[in-house]
Amino acid sequence: MGDNPSWFTGDKQLPVEQVSWNDCQEFVQKLNASYCSVLPNGYKYAMPTEAQWEYACRAGTTTPFSFGDTLNGHKANCDGNYPYGTSTKGAFKGKTTAVKSYAPNAWGLYDMHGNVSEWTSDWFDRDYGLSSVYVLEETLDPTGSDSSSDRVLRGGSWYSDAKFCRSASRIYDEPDSSYAHYGFRLVLVQDSPS
């Protein structure tokens, strides 16, 4: 993209943050245009839906976190001063940490909890109801509203209380908002025929 918008720099393994949903869309478009010849036929990069994000985060679990019921900053980068499922306070680093600083989930995905809140492709829908993995069994890849003024972020961040790092937790913001705790991850999806 020509520059790094991140507030936290230095270590090349830090996640890119301080990006808006609109910035992410521009990145995805450029990435697909630049790498279309090396992608598997019929596939493209995209931002995950909320359902895709939560399914990947949970990695087959039903607990609040892919690693269990509690978080206080020791198993994911969050504000450990405000733990979840325990009264024991933990670490608060006050910044992003290098990718892979914490153990991956059962499917080998790193930093699904904490570090940066990750934009999803979905518009915010208050009645979406994606609060447990059981919703995924009833509806294949449910999506939010067709329109809204806000987009959804998942996963919590270094700046978040531990409760916002739960697999089912969701926050939302305007698509042009960018903060030092907003980031993203991409998925490879089958391109729909035009």
Protein backbone atom coordinates (compact mmCIF):
# COMPACT_ATOMS: atom_id res chain seq x y z
CA MET A 1 0.00 0.00 0.00
CA GLY A 2 3.05 2.25 0.14
CA ASP A 3 3.07 3.02 3.86
CA ASN A 4 2.34 1.51 7.26
CA PRO A 5 -0.46 3.35 9.09
CA SER A 6 0.25 1.59 12.39
CA TRP A 7 0.72 3.49 15.63
CA PHE A 8 3.01 0.74 16.94
CA THR A 9 6.00 0.16 14.71
CA GLY A 10 9.50 -1.26 14.95
CA ASP A 11 9.01 -5.02 15.05
CA LYS A 12 8.17 -6.33 11.56
CA GLN A 13 5.97 -9.00 13.15
CA LEU A 14 3.49 -6.54 14.68
CA PRO A 15 0.00 -6.60 13.21
CA VAL A 16 -1.00 -3.67 11.04
CA GLU A 17 -3.46 -1.52 12.97
CA GLN A 18 -5.03 1.90 12.80
CA VAL A 19 -6.87 0.86 9.64
CA SER A 20 -10.51 1.52 8.84
CA TRP A 21 -12.91 -0.93 7.25
CA ASN A 22 -12.65 1.18 4.09
CA ASP A 23 -8.83 0.90 4.19
CA CYS A 24 -9.18 -2.88 4.43
CA GLN A 25 -11.48 -2.98 1.41
CA GLU A 26 -8.97 -1.03 -0.64
CA PHE A 27 -6.20 -3.41 0.44
CA VAL A 28 -8.28 -6.49 -0.49
CA GLN A 29 -9.02 -5.06 -3.94
CA LYS A 30 -5.34 -4.33 -4.61
CA LEU A 31 -4.27 -7.71 -3.27
CA ASN A 32 -6.74 -9.57 -5.48
CA ALA A 33 -5.67 -7.53 -8.53
CA SER A 34 -1.97 -8.10 -7.82
CA TYR A 35 -2.11 -11.79 -6.97
CA CYS A 36 -5.00 -13.07 -9.06
CA SER A 37 -2.61 -15.13 -11.20
CA VAL A 38 -1.19 -17.04 -8.22
CA LEU A 39 -4.47 -17.72 -6.38
CA PRO A 40 -6.19 -21.06 -6.90
CA ASN A 41 -8.61 -20.87 -9.83
CA GLY A 42 -11.95 -19.42 -8.72
CA TYR A 43 -10.71 -18.01 -5.40
CA LYS A 44 -10.10 -14.54 -4.02
CA TYR A 45 -9.10 -12.83 -0.78
CA ALA A 46 -11.87 -11.30 1.34
CA MET A 47 -12.62 -10.18 4.85
CA PRO A 48 -14.40 -12.89 6.83
CA THR A 49 -18.08 -12.71 7.70
CA GLU A 50 -18.87 -12.67 11.42
CA ALA A 51 -19.83 -16.34 11.23
CA GLN A 52 -16.60 -17.31 9.45
CA TRP A 53 -14.59 -15.33 11.97
CA GLU A 54 -16.27 -16.91 15.01
CA TYR A 55 -16.09 -20.42 13.56
CA ALA A 56 -12.33 -20.00 13.01
CA CYS A 57 -11.85 -18.42 16.43
CA ARG A 58 -13.65 -21.18 18.31
CA ALA A 59 -11.81 -23.96 16.47
CA GLY A 60 -14.41 -26.51 17.54
CA THR A 61 -14.80 -25.28 21.13
CA THR A 62 -17.86 -23.95 22.95
CA THR A 63 -16.08 -22.11 25.79
CA PRO A 64 -15.77 -18.31 25.93
CA PHE A 65 -12.21 -18.58 24.59
CA SER A 66 -10.71 -21.27 22.39
CA PHE A 67 -8.40 -22.11 25.30
CA GLY A 68 -11.04 -22.22 28.07
CA ASP A 69 -13.24 -20.14 30.35
CA THR A 70 -10.89 -17.47 31.68
CA LEU A 71 -8.64 -14.70 30.42
CA ASN A 72 -6.53 -12.20 32.32
CA GLY A 73 -3.87 -11.22 29.81
CA HIS A 74 -1.69 -14.31 30.11
CA LYS A 75 -3.04 -16.28 27.12
CA ALA A 76 -3.91 -13.33 24.86
CA ASN A 77 -2.94 -9.67 24.61
CA CYS A 78 -5.71 -7.72 26.39
CA ASP A 79 -6.07 -5.45 29.40
CA GLY A 80 -5.47 -7.98 32.17
CA ASN A 81 -6.53 -5.42 34.77
CA TYR A 82 -10.08 -6.40 33.79
CA PRO A 83 -10.07 -10.22 33.69
CA TYR A 84 -12.90 -12.54 32.63
CA GLY A 85 -13.89 -15.71 34.51
CA THR A 86 -11.36 -15.07 37.26
CA SER A 87 -10.61 -12.38 39.84
CA THR A 88 -6.86 -12.69 39.25
CA LYS A 89 -5.55 -9.70 37.37
CA GLY A 90 -2.93 -10.25 34.73
CA ALA A 91 -0.72 -8.50 32.23
CA PHE A 92 -1.51 -5.26 30.43
CA LYS A 93 1.16 -4.51 27.86
CA GLY A 94 -0.46 -1.29 26.59
CA LYS A 95 0.41 -2.04 22.95
CA THR A 96 0.26 -4.69 20.26
CA THR A 97 2.56 -7.70 20.48
CA ALA A 98 4.29 -9.58 17.70
CA VAL A 99 2.12 -12.09 15.87
CA LYS A 100 2.55 -15.58 17.37
CA SER A 101 3.48 -14.24 20.83
CA TYR A 102 0.75 -16.47 22.26
CA ALA A 103 -0.18 -20.09 21.51
CA PRO A 104 -2.44 -20.73 18.49
CA ASN A 105 -5.92 -22.22 18.78
CA ALA A 106 -6.53 -25.89 17.93
CA TRP A 107 -6.65 -25.07 14.22
CA GLY A 108 -3.30 -23.28 14.25
CA LEU A 109 -4.69 -19.72 14.07
CA TYR A 110 -2.88 -17.09 16.12
CA ASP A 111 -4.22 -14.03 17.93
CA MET A 112 -7.91 -14.70 17.42
CA HIS A 113 -8.37 -13.33 20.95
CA GLY A 114 -6.84 -9.93 21.66
CA ASN A 115 -3.99 -7.98 20.05
CA VAL A 116 -6.21 -6.12 17.52
CA SER A 117 -9.97 -6.06 17.03
CA GLU A 118 -10.56 -7.43 13.55
CA TRP A 119 -12.93 -5.95 11.00
CA THR A 120 -15.39 -8.37 9.40
CA SER A 121 -17.30 -7.93 6.16
CA ASP A 122 -20.71 -7.72 7.86
CA TRP A 123 -22.80 -4.67 8.60
CA PHE A 124 -23.79 -4.42 12.26
CA ASP A 125 -27.19 -5.91 13.06
CA ARG A 126 -28.28 -5.65 16.69
CA ASP A 127 -30.59 -8.65 16.24
CA TYR A 128 -27.99 -10.82 14.49
CA GLY A 129 -27.81 -13.07 17.55
CA LEU A 130 -24.51 -14.78 16.81
CA SER A 131 -23.87 -15.52 20.46
CA SER A 132 -23.01 -19.20 20.33
CA VAL A 133 -21.62 -21.82 18.03
CA TYR A 134 -25.05 -23.46 17.90
CA VAL A 135 -26.33 -20.73 15.59
CA LEU A 136 -23.79 -21.94 13.05
CA GLU A 137 -25.38 -25.40 13.06
CA GLU A 138 -28.78 -23.92 12.18
CA THR A 139 -27.68 -21.46 9.51
CA LEU A 140 -24.76 -21.93 7.15
CA ASP A 141 -22.62 -18.79 7.27
CA PRO A 142 -25.29 -16.34 8.45
CA THR A 143 -24.72 -12.70 7.58
CA GLY A 144 -25.83 -9.52 9.26
CA SER A 145 -28.02 -6.75 7.93
CA ASP A 146 -27.92 -5.68 4.28
CA SER A 147 -27.11 -2.16 5.43
CA SER A 148 -26.33 -0.17 8.53
CA SER A 149 -24.17 2.76 9.53
CA ASP A 150 -21.61 0.49 11.23
CA ARG A 151 -19.42 -2.54 10.49
CA VAL A 152 -18.57 -5.32 12.95
CA LEU A 153 -15.22 -6.02 14.62
CA ARG A 154 -14.43 -9.23 16.48
CA GLY A 155 -11.79 -10.61 18.84
CA GLY A 156 -10.99 -7.73 21.19
CA SER A 157 -7.58 -6.12 21.42
CA TRP A 158 -4.64 -5.10 23.61
CA TYR A 159 -6.83 -2.16 24.66
CA SER A 160 -9.89 -4.30 25.58
CA ASP A 161 -11.15 -5.73 28.83
CA ALA A 162 -10.92 -9.54 28.63
CA LYS A 163 -14.71 -9.90 28.17
CA PHE A 164 -14.44 -8.22 24.76
CA CYS A 165 -11.95 -10.89 23.65
CA ARG A 166 -14.50 -13.73 24.00
CA SER A 167 -15.28 -15.74 20.87
CA ALA A 168 -18.86 -14.43 20.77
CA SER A 169 -18.11 -10.81 21.64
CA ARG A 170 -18.74 -8.21 18.96
CA ILE A 171 -18.26 -4.48 18.71
CA TYR A 172 -19.06 -2.11 15.88
CA ASP A 173 -17.96 1.20 14.45
CA GLU A 174 -18.32 3.39 11.40
CA PRO A 175 -16.46 2.06 8.32
CA ASP A 176 -14.11 5.05 8.21
CA SER A 177 -13.00 4.74 11.87
CA SER A 178 -9.41 3.73 12.59
CA TYR A 179 -7.68 3.28 15.93
CA ALA A 180 -4.46 1.72 17.21
CA HIS A 181 -6.47 -1.34 18.25
CA TYR A 182 -8.33 -1.93 14.95
CA GLY A 183 -6.84 -4.41 12.49
CA PHE A 184 -7.96 -7.24 10.21
CA ARG A 185 -7.27 -10.69 8.84
CA LEU A 186 -8.16 -12.14 5.48
CA VAL A 187 -9.73 -15.36 4.29
CA LEU A 188 -9.47 -17.11 0.96
CA VAL A 189 -12.98 -17.67 -0.44
CA GLN A 190 -14.52 -19.07 -3.57
CA ASP A 191 -15.28 -16.25 -5.98
CA SER A 192 -18.95 -16.06 -6.84
CA PRO A 193 -19.69 -16.12 -10.55
CA SER A 194 -20.51 -12.69 -11.98
